[in-house]
Amino acid sequence: MLTRLHTTREKLMRAALEIVAEDGFSATTTAAIAARAGFAEGTLYRHFKGKDDLLIEAYRQYKREVFESALAAYDTSDSPEARFKSLWLAVYCALSADPEACVFGARFAESSLSLKEGGAAHEQMNATLTEFLSDPAAAPQVKPMRPELLAALFYAPITGLLKAERQGVKWTEEDVNAAAQAAWDSWRKH
């Protein structure tokens, strides 16, 4: 994610993402971001109000790219189970494609900046999950739980797999498919 580095803004966002992923938020200063991107510090302020705005925009861009990639594989004509699994697998694949961005996203989500971000980065994906839950073919197959709980059950296995990957675990395709099935089973009425 944030791998297309054509503009100064994109280069600054990628630099911030890399620093947060490598060393955390405390090491992510405007000077460090600008230096990593190959610009003078003042350049950062011509494109962003400050570090927080840059980090929020980097997070939004990262999530937008993840969800756009995942939604490209989403076929509303499939069965509810097939749609769920394909969406789950697409999100997992999009997140695992850029480990630095994944670490950045996890650290951002746990930071106080996530409150300032306001959830805009998740709106597209949440809309897709809400649409799925209101689909007459899917609704009868899904446990009657709050949407926030269902979303947590969707993302938790992905988060667990990605965390283990960062610690060196190599998942097989069979492992990942089993995790997708387990995620679906956590939603499905038995």
Protein backbone atom coordinates (compact mmCIF):
# COMPACT_ATOMS: atom_id res chain seq x y z
CA MET A 1 0.00 0.00 0.00
CA LEU A 2 1.16 3.51 -0.63
CA THR A 3 3.65 2.04 -3.03
CA ARG A 4 2.81 4.33 -5.95
CA LEU A 5 5.11 7.24 -5.11
CA HIS A 6 4.55 9.77 -7.86
CA THR A 7 3.80 12.88 -5.87
CA THR A 8 5.50 14.67 -3.03
CA ARG A 9 2.46 13.96 -0.81
CA GLU A 10 2.69 10.23 -1.55
CA LYS A 11 6.42 10.18 -0.81
CA LEU A 12 5.88 11.98 2.49
CA MET A 13 3.06 9.62 3.47
CA ARG A 14 5.14 6.56 2.62
CA ALA A 15 8.10 7.90 4.60
CA ALA A 16 5.86 8.46 7.63
CA LEU A 17 4.36 5.00 7.26
CA GLU A 18 7.83 3.40 7.15
CA ILE A 19 9.10 5.29 10.20
CA VAL A 20 6.02 4.41 12.27
CA ALA A 21 6.32 0.76 11.19
CA GLU A 22 10.03 0.60 12.01
CA ASP A 23 10.34 2.72 15.13
CA GLY A 24 6.87 3.79 16.33
CA PHE A 25 5.19 7.13 16.65
CA SER A 26 7.77 8.69 18.97
CA ALA A 27 10.43 8.45 16.25
CA THR A 28 8.11 9.92 13.64
CA THR A 29 9.06 13.58 13.62
CA THR A 30 8.44 16.00 10.78
CA ALA A 31 12.20 16.27 10.29
CA ALA A 32 12.58 12.48 10.10
CA ILE A 33 9.67 12.16 7.67
CA ALA A 34 10.99 14.87 5.37
CA ALA A 35 14.53 13.46 5.46
CA ARG A 36 13.30 9.93 4.67
CA ALA A 37 11.26 11.27 1.74
CA GLY A 38 14.22 13.30 0.47
CA PHE A 39 12.75 16.75 1.08
CA ALA A 40 13.35 19.74 3.30
CA GLU A 41 11.13 19.82 6.38
CA GLY A 42 9.29 22.88 5.06
CA THR A 43 8.05 20.82 2.12
CA LEU A 44 5.99 18.73 4.50
CA TYR A 45 4.15 21.86 5.69
CA ARG A 46 3.31 22.88 2.13
CA HIS A 47 1.37 19.63 1.75
CA PHE A 48 0.05 18.97 5.26
CA LYS A 49 -0.89 21.12 8.26
CA GLY A 50 1.41 19.03 10.41
CA LYS A 51 2.50 15.55 11.37
CA ASP A 52 -0.91 14.44 12.66
CA ASP A 53 -2.66 15.45 9.45
CA LEU A 54 -0.02 13.64 7.40
CA LEU A 55 -0.35 10.47 9.49
CA ILE A 56 -4.16 10.56 9.31
CA GLU A 57 -4.06 10.99 5.55
CA ALA A 58 -1.50 8.18 5.22
CA TYR A 59 -3.79 5.90 7.24
CA ARG A 60 -6.83 6.84 5.16
CA GLN A 61 -4.92 6.23 1.94
CA TYR A 62 -3.63 2.90 3.21
CA LYS A 63 -7.12 1.74 4.19
CA ARG A 64 -8.62 3.05 0.94
CA GLU A 65 -6.12 1.02 -1.07
CA VAL A 66 -6.72 -2.11 1.04
CA PHE A 67 -10.49 -1.90 0.76
CA GLU A 68 -10.55 -0.95 -2.91
CA SER A 69 -8.33 -3.93 -3.64
CA ALA A 70 -10.54 -6.22 -1.55
CA LEU A 71 -13.79 -4.93 -2.99
CA ALA A 72 -12.54 -5.46 -6.54
CA ALA A 73 -12.78 -9.20 -5.88
CA TYR A 74 -16.25 -8.99 -4.30
CA ASP A 75 -18.95 -10.58 -6.47
CA THR A 76 -22.48 -9.91 -5.24
CA SER A 77 -23.85 -12.78 -7.36
CA ASP A 78 -22.00 -15.41 -5.31
CA SER A 79 -23.60 -17.26 -2.41
CA PRO A 80 -23.37 -15.48 0.96
CA GLU A 81 -20.67 -17.88 2.15
CA ALA A 82 -18.62 -17.46 -1.03
CA ARG A 83 -18.97 -13.66 -0.87
CA PHE A 84 -17.93 -13.58 2.77
CA LYS A 85 -14.89 -15.80 2.21
CA SER A 86 -13.76 -14.00 -0.95
CA LEU A 87 -14.03 -10.65 0.81
CA TRP A 88 -12.22 -11.98 3.88
CA LEU A 89 -9.44 -13.50 1.77
CA ALA A 90 -9.11 -10.33 -0.31
CA VAL A 91 -8.75 -8.17 2.81
CA TYR A 92 -6.20 -10.59 4.24
CA CYS A 93 -4.20 -10.65 0.99
CA ALA A 94 -4.30 -6.86 0.63
CA LEU A 95 -3.08 -6.38 4.20
CA SER A 96 -0.36 -9.02 3.97
CA ALA A 97 0.94 -7.63 0.67
CA ASP A 98 2.73 -4.76 2.42
CA PRO A 99 3.96 -5.77 5.90
CA GLU A 100 5.23 -2.26 6.73
CA ALA A 101 1.86 -0.74 5.88
CA CYS A 102 0.15 -3.42 7.95
CA VAL A 103 2.30 -2.60 11.00
CA PHE A 104 1.63 1.10 10.43
CA GLY A 105 -2.12 0.44 10.25
CA ALA A 106 -2.11 -1.61 13.44
CA ARG A 107 -0.07 1.00 15.33
CA PHE A 108 -2.26 3.82 14.01
CA ALA A 109 -5.46 2.01 15.02
CA GLU A 110 -4.14 1.68 18.57
CA SER A 111 -3.01 5.31 18.79
CA SER A 112 -4.88 8.40 19.93
CA LEU A 113 -4.79 9.57 16.31
CA SER A 114 -7.40 6.96 15.44
CA LEU A 115 -9.94 9.03 17.38
CA LYS A 116 -9.05 12.11 15.31
CA GLU A 117 -9.32 10.10 12.10
CA GLY A 118 -12.99 9.52 12.90
CA GLY A 119 -13.43 6.19 11.12
CA ALA A 120 -13.49 7.60 7.59
CA ALA A 121 -10.97 4.98 6.50
CA HIS A 122 -13.40 2.16 7.28
CA GLU A 123 -16.57 3.66 5.79
CA GLN A 124 -16.38 1.86 2.45
CA MET A 125 -15.74 -1.53 4.01
CA ASN A 126 -18.36 -1.01 6.71
CA ALA A 127 -20.87 -0.12 3.99
CA THR A 128 -20.07 -3.40 2.23
CA LEU A 129 -20.50 -5.40 5.44
CA THR A 130 -23.78 -3.58 6.20
CA GLU A 131 -24.99 -4.30 2.65
CA PHE A 132 -24.05 -7.95 3.12
CA LEU A 133 -26.01 -8.14 6.39
CA SER A 134 -29.11 -6.59 4.83
CA ASP A 135 -29.04 -8.89 1.79
CA PRO A 136 -32.16 -11.13 1.92
CA ALA A 137 -30.05 -14.14 0.90
CA ALA A 138 -27.36 -13.54 3.54
CA ALA A 139 -29.35 -12.20 6.51
CA PRO A 140 -31.03 -15.54 7.40
CA GLN A 141 -27.64 -17.25 7.44
CA VAL A 142 -25.98 -14.79 9.84
CA LYS A 143 -26.24 -14.86 13.62
CA PRO A 144 -28.31 -12.00 15.01
CA MET A 145 -25.48 -9.98 16.57
CA ARG A 146 -24.59 -6.32 16.62
CA PRO A 147 -22.77 -5.26 13.44
CA GLU A 148 -19.79 -4.06 15.50
CA LEU A 149 -19.40 -7.54 16.97
CA LEU A 150 -19.67 -9.15 13.55
CA ALA A 151 -17.03 -6.74 12.22
CA ALA A 152 -14.74 -7.67 15.12
CA LEU A 153 -15.24 -11.36 14.30
CA PHE A 154 -14.41 -10.60 10.66
CA TYR A 155 -11.16 -8.74 11.36
CA ALA A 156 -9.82 -10.62 14.43
CA PRO A 157 -8.62 -13.73 12.57
CA ILE A 158 -6.96 -11.55 9.93
CA THR A 159 -5.19 -9.57 12.62
CA GLY A 160 -4.05 -12.77 14.32
CA LEU A 161 -2.65 -14.25 11.11
CA LEU A 162 -0.83 -11.05 10.21
CA LYS A 163 0.67 -10.69 13.69
CA ALA A 164 1.99 -14.26 13.52
CA GLU A 165 3.41 -13.56 10.05
CA ARG A 166 5.34 -10.59 11.42
CA GLN A 167 6.82 -13.01 13.96
CA GLY A 168 7.98 -15.35 11.20
CA VAL A 169 5.09 -17.81 10.82
CA LYS A 170 4.51 -18.92 7.24
CA TRP A 171 0.89 -19.80 6.52
CA THR A 172 -0.07 -22.27 3.84
CA GLU A 173 -3.00 -21.63 1.51
CA GLU A 174 -4.83 -24.35 3.44
CA ASP A 175 -4.20 -22.49 6.72
CA VAL A 176 -5.53 -19.22 5.31
CA ASN A 177 -8.59 -20.92 3.81
CA ALA A 178 -9.27 -22.62 7.16
CA ALA A 179 -9.10 -19.21 8.87
CA ALA A 180 -11.57 -17.80 6.34
CA GLN A 181 -13.88 -20.72 7.05
CA ALA A 182 -13.55 -20.17 10.81
CA ALA A 183 -14.39 -16.49 10.34
CA TRP A 184 -17.49 -17.44 8.34
CA ASP A 185 -18.41 -20.02 10.99
CA SER A 186 -18.27 -17.28 13.63
CA TRP A 187 -20.93 -15.37 11.65
CA ARG A 188 -23.05 -18.31 10.42
CA LYS A 189 -26.10 -19.62 12.22
CA HIS A 190 -25.57 -23.29 13.00
